[in-house]
PDB file of N, CA and C in Angstrom:
ATOM      1  N   MET A   1      61.557 -25.170  47.749  1.00  0.00           N
ATOM      2  CA  MET A   1      61.273 -26.555  48.094  1.00  0.00           C
ATOM      3  C   MET A   1      61.920 -26.859  49.447  1.00  0.00           C
ATOM      4  N   PRO A   2      61.187 -27.400  50.399  1.00  0.00           N
ATOM      5  CA  PRO A   2      61.743 -27.713  51.711  1.00  0.00           C
ATOM      6  C   PRO A   2      62.804 -28.803  51.620  1.00  0.00           C
ATOM      7  N   ASN A   3      63.718 -28.772  52.543  1.00  0.00           N
ATOM      8  CA  ASN A   3      64.795 -29.749  52.617  1.00  0.00           C
ATOM      9  C   ASN A   3      64.235 -31.072  53.120  1.00  0.00           C
ATOM     10  N   ALA A   4      64.248 -32.109  52.281  1.00  0.00           N
ATOM     11  CA  ALA A   4      63.643 -33.399  52.619  1.00  0.00           C
ATOM     12  C   ALA A   4      64.362 -34.085  53.773  1.00  0.00           C
ATOM     13  N   LEU A   5      65.672 -33.994  53.813  1.00  0.00           N
ATOM     14  CA  LEU A   5      66.432 -34.621  54.900  1.00  0.00           C
ATOM     15  C   LEU A   5      66.096 -33.969  56.234  1.00  0.00           C
ATOM     16  N   TYR A   6      66.017 -32.669  56.234  1.00  0.00           N
ATOM     17  CA  TYR A   6      65.658 -31.926  57.443  1.00  0.00           C
ATOM     18  C   TYR A   6      64.300 -32.392  57.978  1.00  0.00           C
ATOM     19  N   HIS A   7      63.320 -32.497  57.108  1.00  0.00           N
ATOM     20  CA  HIS A   7      61.984 -32.944  57.518  1.00  0.00           C
ATOM     21  C   HIS A   7      61.985 -34.412  57.930  1.00  0.00           C
ATOM     22  N   ALA A   8      62.742 -35.240  57.245  1.00  0.00           N
ATOM     23  CA  ALA A   8      62.798 -36.666  57.584  1.00  0.00           C
ATOM     24  C   ALA A   8      63.395 -36.880  58.966  1.00  0.00           C
ATOM     25  N   MET A   9      64.281 -35.992  59.379  1.00  0.00           N
ATOM     26  CA  MET A   9      64.913 -36.098  60.685  1.00  0.00           C
ATOM     27  C   MET A   9      64.055 -35.447  61.772  1.00  0.00           C
ATOM     28  N   GLY A  10      62.868 -34.992  61.395  1.00  0.00           N
ATOM     29  CA  GLY A  10      61.988 -34.367  62.383  1.00  0.00           C
ATOM     30  C   GLY A  10      62.391 -32.952  62.721  1.00  0.00           C
ATOM     31  N   GLY A  11      63.086 -32.308  61.830  1.00  0.00           N
ATOM     32  CA  GLY A  11      63.603 -30.970  62.085  1.00  0.00           C
ATOM     33  C   GLY A  11      62.555 -29.916  62.323  1.00  0.00           C
ATOM     34  N   ASN A  12      61.377 -30.098  61.810  1.00  0.00           N
ATOM     35  CA  ASN A  12      60.358 -29.076  61.999  1.00  0.00           C
ATOM     36  C   ASN A  12      59.314 -29.492  63.034  1.00  0.00           C
ATOM     37  N   ALA A  13      59.561 -30.588  63.736  1.00  0.00           N
ATOM     38  CA  ALA A  13      58.571 -31.086  64.686  1.00  0.00           C
ATOM     39  C   ALA A  13      58.733 -30.410  66.046  1.00  0.00           C
ATOM     40  N   LEU A  14      57.618 -29.978  66.602  1.00  0.00           N
ATOM     41  CA  LEU A  14      57.573 -29.471  67.964  1.00  0.00           C
ATOM     42  C   LEU A  14      56.983 -30.562  68.843  1.00  0.00           C
ATOM     43  N   PRO A  15      57.321 -30.547  70.121  1.00  0.00           N
ATOM     44  CA  PRO A  15      56.631 -31.494  71.005  1.00  0.00           C
ATOM     45  C   PRO A  15      55.123 -31.288  70.872  1.00  0.00           C
ATOM     46  N   SER A  16      54.372 -32.366  70.949  1.00  0.00           N
ATOM     47  CA  SER A  16      52.923 -32.290  70.683  1.00  0.00           C
ATOM     48  C   SER A  16      52.217 -31.314  71.607  1.00  0.00           C
ATOM     49  N   GLN A  17      52.643 -31.216  72.857  1.00  0.00           N
ATOM     50  CA  GLN A  17      52.001 -30.274  73.774  1.00  0.00           C
ATOM     51  C   GLN A  17      52.179 -28.834  73.288  1.00  0.00           C
ATOM     52  N   MET A  18      53.373 -28.492  72.842  1.00  0.00           N
ATOM     53  CA  MET A  18      53.629 -27.145  72.343  1.00  0.00           C
ATOM     54  C   MET A  18      52.842 -26.905  71.064  1.00  0.00           C
ATOM     55  N   GLN A  19      52.784 -27.898  70.192  1.00  0.00           N
ATOM     56  CA  GLN A  19      52.018 -27.746  68.956  1.00  0.00           C
ATOM     57  C   GLN A  19      50.544 -27.538  69.257  1.00  0.00           C
ATOM     58  N   ASN A  20      50.020 -28.257  70.242  1.00  0.00           N
ATOM     59  CA  ASN A  20      48.622 -28.073  70.643  1.00  0.00           C
ATOM     60  C   ASN A  20      48.378 -26.660  71.147  1.00  0.00           C
ATOM     61  N   MET A  21      49.313 -26.126  71.947  1.00  0.00           N
ATOM     62  CA  MET A  21      49.174 -24.756  72.448  1.00  0.00           C
ATOM     63  C   MET A  21      49.168 -23.755  71.298  1.00  0.00           C
ATOM     64  N   ILE A  22      50.039 -23.974  70.335  1.00  0.00           N
ATOM     65  CA  ILE A  22      50.103 -23.074  69.188  1.00  0.00           C
ATOM     66  C   ILE A  22      48.790 -23.123  68.407  1.00  0.00           C
ATOM     67  N   ASN A  23      48.262 -24.318  68.193  1.00  0.00           N
ATOM     68  CA  ASN A  23      46.990 -24.451  67.476  1.00  0.00           C
ATOM     69  C   ASN A  23      45.852 -23.778  68.229  1.00  0.00           C
ATOM     70  N   GLN A  24      45.815 -23.958  69.545  1.00  0.00           N
ATOM     71  CA  GLN A  24      44.773 -23.324  70.352  1.00  0.00           C
ATOM     72  C   GLN A  24      44.896 -21.805  70.286  1.00  0.00           C
ATOM     73  N   TYR A  25      46.121 -21.311  70.347  1.00  0.00           N
ATOM     74  CA  TYR A  25      46.328 -19.873  70.257  1.00  0.00           C
ATOM     75  C   TYR A  25      45.841 -19.337  68.907  1.00  0.00           C
ATOM     76  N   ARG A  26      46.163 -20.028  67.845  1.00  0.00           N
ATOM     77  CA  ARG A  26      45.740 -19.574  66.517  1.00  0.00           C
ATOM     78  C   ARG A  26      44.220 -19.529  66.406  1.00  0.00           C
ATOM     79  N   GLN A  27      43.551 -20.543  66.965  1.00  0.00           N
ATOM     80  CA  GLN A  27      42.086 -20.546  66.953  1.00  0.00           C
ATOM     81  C   GLN A  27      41.541 -19.384  67.773  1.00  0.00           C
ATOM     82  N   PHE A  28      42.127 -19.167  68.933  1.00  0.00           N
ATOM     83  CA  PHE A  28      41.693 -18.058  69.785  1.00  0.00           C
ATOM     84  C   PHE A  28      41.890 -16.724  69.068  1.00  0.00           C
ATOM     85  N   ARG A  29      43.057 -16.540  68.469  1.00  0.00           N
ATOM     86  CA  ARG A  29      43.370 -15.274  67.791  1.00  0.00           C
ATOM     87  C   ARG A  29      42.374 -14.982  66.673  1.00  0.00           C
ATOM     88  N   GLN A  30      41.963 -16.025  65.959  1.00  0.00           N
ATOM     89  CA  GLN A  30      41.011 -15.833  64.860  1.00  0.00           C
ATOM     90  C   GLN A  30      39.632 -15.433  65.366  1.00  0.00           C
ATOM     91  N   SER A  31      39.265 -15.898  66.563  1.00  0.00           N
ATOM     92  CA  SER A  31      37.914 -15.635  67.057  1.00  0.00           C
ATOM     93  C   SER A  31      37.836 -14.431  67.994  1.00  0.00           C
ATOM     94  N   PHE A  32      38.966 -13.917  68.461  1.00  0.00           N
ATOM     95  CA  PHE A  32      38.957 -12.825  69.433  1.00  0.00           C
ATOM     96  C   PHE A  32      38.765 -11.489  68.748  1.00  0.00           C
ATOM     97  N   SER A  33      37.897 -10.681  69.315  1.00  0.00           N
ATOM     98  CA  SER A  33      37.770  -9.304  68.850  1.00  0.00           C
ATOM     99  C   SER A  33      37.760  -8.422  70.097  1.00  0.00           C
ATOM    100  N   GLY A  34      38.399  -7.299  70.008  1.00  0.00           N
ATOM    101  CA  GLY A  34      38.483  -6.405  71.155  1.00  0.00           C
ATOM    102  C   GLY A  34      39.922  -6.033  71.443  1.00  0.00           C
ATOM    103  N   ASN A  35      40.099  -5.359  72.566  1.00  0.00           N
ATOM    104  CA  ASN A  35      41.413  -4.893  72.980  1.00  0.00           C
ATOM    105  C   ASN A  35      41.977  -5.879  73.998  1.00  0.00           C
ATOM    106  N   PRO A  36      42.998  -6.645  73.640  1.00  0.00           N
ATOM    107  CA  PRO A  36      43.527  -7.670  74.546  1.00  0.00           C
ATOM    108  C   PRO A  36      44.022  -7.106  75.876  1.00  0.00           C
ATOM    109  N   LYS A  37      44.716  -5.982  75.837  1.00  0.00           N
ATOM    110  CA  LYS A  37      45.225  -5.400  77.081  1.00  0.00           C
ATOM    111  C   LYS A  37      44.079  -5.000  78.003  1.00  0.00           C
ATOM    112  N   GLN A  38      43.032  -4.432  77.435  1.00  0.00           N
ATOM    113  CA  GLN A  38      41.879  -4.027  78.239  1.00  0.00           C
ATOM    114  C   GLN A  38      41.169  -5.247  78.822  1.00  0.00           C
ATOM    115  N   GLU A  39      41.073  -6.310  78.058  1.00  0.00           N
ATOM    116  CA  GLU A  39      40.441  -7.538  78.563  1.00  0.00           C
ATOM    117  C   GLU A  39      41.216  -8.102  79.749  1.00  0.00           C
ATOM    118  N   VAL A  40      42.550  -8.100  79.647  1.00  0.00           N
ATOM    119  CA  VAL A  40      43.380  -8.592  80.747  1.00  0.00           C
ATOM    120  C   VAL A  40      43.211  -7.704  81.968  1.00  0.00           C
ATOM    121  N   MET A  41      43.199  -6.392  81.775  1.00  0.00           N
ATOM    122  CA  MET A  41      43.013  -5.476  82.900  1.00  0.00           C
ATOM    123  C   MET A  41      41.653  -5.688  83.559  1.00  0.00           C
ATOM    124  N   ASN A  42      40.627  -5.948  82.764  1.00  0.00           N
ATOM    125  CA  ASN A  42      39.294  -6.230  83.317  1.00  0.00           C
ATOM    126  C   ASN A  42      39.325  -7.486  84.181  1.00  0.00           C
ATOM    127  N   LEU A  43      40.010  -8.522  83.707  1.00  0.00           N
ATOM    128  CA  LEU A  43      40.131  -9.759  84.489  1.00  0.00           C
ATOM    129  C   LEU A  43      40.858  -9.507  85.803  1.00  0.00           C
ATOM    130  N   LEU A  44      41.902  -8.719  85.749  1.00  0.00           N
ATOM    131  CA  LEU A  44      42.693  -8.410  86.941  1.00  0.00           C
ATOM    132  C   LEU A  44      41.882  -7.570  87.927  1.00  0.00           C
ATOM    133  N   GLN A  45      41.224  -6.537  87.430  1.00  0.00           N
ATOM    134  CA  GLN A  45      40.448  -5.643  88.291  1.00  0.00           C
ATOM    135  C   GLN A  45      39.224  -6.321  88.891  1.00  0.00           C
ATOM    136  N   SER A  46      38.659  -7.273  88.167  1.00  0.00           N
ATOM    137  CA  SER A  46      37.466  -7.965  88.663  1.00  0.00           C
ATOM    138  C   SER A  46      37.814  -9.068  89.652  1.00  0.00           C
ATOM    139  N   GLY A  47      39.095  -9.402  89.767  1.00  0.00           N
ATOM    140  CA  GLY A  47      39.517 -10.461  90.673  1.00  0.00           C
ATOM    141  C   GLY A  47      39.434 -11.856  90.073  1.00  0.00           C
ATOM    142  N   ARG A  48      39.097 -11.947  88.799  1.00  0.00           N
ATOM    143  CA  ARG A  48      39.030 -13.269  88.156  1.00  0.00           C
ATOM    144  C   ARG A  48      40.419 -13.878  88.008  1.00  0.00           C
ATOM    145  N   ILE A  49      41.453 -13.027  87.930  1.00  0.00           N
ATOM    146  CA  ILE A  49      42.838 -13.483  88.010  1.00  0.00           C
ATOM    147  C   ILE A  49      43.558 -12.546  88.972  1.00  0.00           C
ATOM    148  N   ASN A  50      44.666 -13.031  89.551  1.00  0.00           N
ATOM    149  CA  ASN A  50      45.466 -12.160  90.413  1.00  0.00           C
ATOM    150  C   ASN A  50      46.792 -11.847  89.721  1.00  0.00           C
ATOM    151  N   GLN A  51      47.595 -10.992  90.366  1.00  0.00           N
ATOM    152  CA  GLN A  51      48.846 -10.554  89.742  1.00  0.00           C
ATOM    153  C   GLN A  51      49.795 -11.721  89.498  1.00  0.00           C
ATOM    154  N   GLN A  52      49.835 -12.671  90.421  1.00  0.00           N
ATOM    155  CA  GLN A  52      50.711 -13.830  90.245  1.00  0.00           C
ATOM    156  C   GLN A  52      50.300 -14.643  89.016  1.00  0.00           C
ATOM    157  N   GLN A  53      48.998 -14.843  88.840  1.00  0.00           N
ATOM    158  CA  GLN A  53      48.520 -15.568  87.657  1.00  0.00           C
ATOM    159  C   GLN A  53      48.855 -14.802  86.387  1.00  0.00           C
ATOM    160  N   LEU A  54      48.658 -13.487  86.423  1.00  0.00           N
ATOM    161  CA  LEU A  54      48.983 -12.665  85.257  1.00  0.00           C
ATOM    162  C   LEU A  54      50.456 -12.809  84.898  1.00  0.00           C
ATOM    163  N   ASN A  55      51.315 -12.774  85.897  1.00  0.00           N
ATOM    164  CA  ASN A  55      52.750 -12.933  85.644  1.00  0.00           C
ATOM    165  C   ASN A  55      53.047 -14.287  85.008  1.00  0.00           C
ATOM    166  N   GLN A  56      52.400 -15.341  85.516  1.00  0.00           N
ATOM    167  CA  GLN A  56      52.591 -16.684  84.948  1.00  0.00           C
ATOM    168  C   GLN A  56      52.121 -16.733  83.493  1.00  0.00           C
ATOM    169  N   TYR A  57      50.954 -16.153  83.232  1.00  0.00           N
ATOM    170  CA  TYR A  57      50.406 -16.162  81.873  1.00  0.00           C
ATOM    171  C   TYR A  57      51.309 -15.387  80.920  1.00  0.00           C
ATOM    172  N   GLN A  58      51.850 -14.268  81.403  1.00  0.00           N
ATOM    173  CA  GLN A  58      52.744 -13.487  80.550  1.00  0.00           C
ATOM    174  C   GLN A  58      54.018 -14.261  80.234  1.00  0.00           C
ATOM    175  N   GLN A  59      54.532 -14.982  81.221  1.00  0.00           N
ATOM    176  CA  GLN A  59      55.724 -15.799  80.995  1.00  0.00           C
ATOM    177  C   GLN A  59      55.423 -16.911  79.992  1.00  0.00           C
ATOM    178  N   MET A  60      54.275 -17.555  80.133  1.00  0.00           N
ATOM    179  CA  MET A  60      53.892 -18.619  79.199  1.00  0.00           C
ATOM    180  C   MET A  60      53.715 -18.046  77.792  1.00  0.00           C
ATOM    181  N   ALA A  61      53.131 -16.857  77.702  1.00  0.00           N
ATOM    182  CA  ALA A  61      52.931 -16.230  76.395  1.00  0.00           C
ATOM    183  C   ALA A  61      54.270 -15.931  75.726  1.00  0.00           C
ATOM    184  N   GLN A  62      55.244 -15.488  76.509  1.00  0.00           N
ATOM    185  CA  GLN A  62      56.568 -15.217  75.939  1.00  0.00           C
ATOM    186  C   GLN A  62      57.216 -16.505  75.450  1.00  0.00           C
ATOM    187  N   GLN A  63      57.056 -17.586  76.207  1.00  0.00           N
ATOM    188  CA  GLN A  63      57.618 -18.869  75.791  1.00  0.00           C
ATOM    189  C   GLN A  63      56.960 -19.349  74.504  1.00  0.00           C
ATOM    190  N   LEU A  64      55.650 -19.184  74.415  1.00  0.00           N
ATOM    191  CA  LEU A  64      54.927 -19.584  73.212  1.00  0.00           C
ATOM    192  C   LEU A  64      55.363 -18.743  72.020  1.00  0.00           C
ATOM    193  N   GLN A  65      55.523 -17.448  72.244  1.00  0.00           N
ATOM    194  CA  GLN A  65      55.970 -16.573  71.163  1.00  0.00           C
ATOM    195  C   GLN A  65      57.360 -16.976  70.678  1.00  0.00           C
ATOM    196  N   THR A  66      58.243 -17.290  71.602  1.00  0.00           N
ATOM    197  CA  THR A  66      59.588 -17.732  71.237  1.00  0.00           C
ATOM    198  C   THR A  66      59.529 -19.023  70.419  1.00  0.00           C
ATOM    199  N   ALA A  67      58.692 -19.965  70.863  1.00  0.00           N
ATOM    200  CA  ALA A  67      58.564 -21.237  70.141  1.00  0.00           C
ATOM    201  C   ALA A  67      58.013 -21.013  68.735  1.00  0.00           C
ATOM    202  N   MET A  68      57.026 -20.133  68.616  1.00  0.00           N
ATOM    203  CA  MET A  68      56.450 -19.856  67.296  1.00  0.00           C
ATOM    204  C   MET A  68      57.480 -19.181  66.391  1.00  0.00           C
ATOM    205  N   ASN A  69      58.256 -18.264  66.944  1.00  0.00           N
ATOM    206  CA  ASN A  69      59.289 -17.597  66.143  1.00  0.00           C
ATOM    207  C   ASN A  69      60.371 -18.587  65.728  1.00  0.00           C
ATOM    208  N   ASN A  70      60.759 -19.472  66.639  1.00  0.00           N
ATOM    209  CA  ASN A  70      61.764 -20.485  66.308  1.00  0.00           C
ATOM    210  C   ASN A  70      61.258 -21.420  65.221  1.00  0.00           C
ATOM    211  N   GLU A  71      60.015 -21.816  65.311  1.00  0.00           N
ATOM    212  CA  GLU A  71      59.430 -22.703  64.301  1.00  0.00           C
ATOM    213  C   GLU A  71      59.387 -22.008  62.944  1.00  0.00           C
ATOM    214  N   ARG A  72      58.997 -20.753  62.945  1.00  0.00           N
ATOM    215  CA  ARG A  72      58.945 -19.990  61.696  1.00  0.00           C
ATOM    216  C   ARG A  72      60.339 -19.873  61.098  1.00  0.00           C
ATOM    217  N   THR A  73      61.338 -19.626  61.952  1.00  0.00           N
ATOM    218  CA  THR A  73      62.719 -19.514  61.482  1.00  0.00           C
ATOM    219  C   THR A  73      63.195 -20.829  60.904  1.00  0.00           C
ATOM    220  N   ARG A  74      62.901 -21.937  61.611  1.00  0.00           N
ATOM    221  CA  ARG A  74      63.318 -23.256  61.098  1.00  0.00           C
ATOM    222  C   ARG A  74      62.665 -23.554  59.752  1.00  0.00           C
ATOM    223  N   ASN A  75      61.400 -23.228  59.604  1.00  0.00           N
ATOM    224  CA  ASN A  75      60.709 -23.494  58.336  1.00  0.00           C
ATOM    225  C   ASN A  75      61.282 -22.664  57.204  1.00  0.00           C
ATOM    226  N   ASN A  76      61.644 -21.431  57.473  1.00  0.00           N
ATOM    227  CA  ASN A  76      62.188 -20.560  56.436  1.00  0.00           C
ATOM    228  C   ASN A  76      63.649 -20.852  56.148  1.00  0.00           C
ATOM    229  N   GLU A  77      64.349 -21.367  57.124  1.00  0.00           N
ATOM    230  CA  GLU A  77      65.770 -21.634  57.004  1.00  0.00           C
ATOM    231  C   GLU A  77      66.087 -22.681  55.941  1.00  0.00           C
ATOM    232  N   PHE A  78      65.201 -23.627  55.771  1.00  0.00           N
ATOM    233  CA  PHE A  78      65.497 -24.756  54.893  1.00  0.00           C
ATOM    234  C   PHE A  78      64.672 -24.736  53.608  1.00  0.00           C
ATOM    235  N   VAL A  79      64.178 -23.584  53.254  1.00  0.00           N
ATOM    236  CA  VAL A  79      63.469 -23.443  51.989  1.00  0.00           C
ATOM    237  C   VAL A  79      64.491 -23.032  50.945  1.00  0.00           C
ATOM    238  N   GLU A  80      64.511 -23.749  49.857  1.00  0.00           N
ATOM    239  CA  GLU A  80      65.491 -23.452  48.799  1.00  0.00           C
ATOM    240  C   GLU A  80      64.882 -22.564  47.755  1.00  0.00           C
TER     241      GLU A  80
END
């Protein structure tokens, strides 16, 4: 059973922008088929993205992964 006080204090709430990104990622992950690394390399080789953009996207992906892991940890931390 989740800790009611923790939830009442907003303990599991993410900023709405981050929550939106997580939801969009989950939708994308469910619909994507193929090799993600190969798709990124195709974008880079075709010039649709450049190395600087790739670096930015990778940094954003790491931040999103950290946020998702933190959220998962917070949710599991207060389950009795």
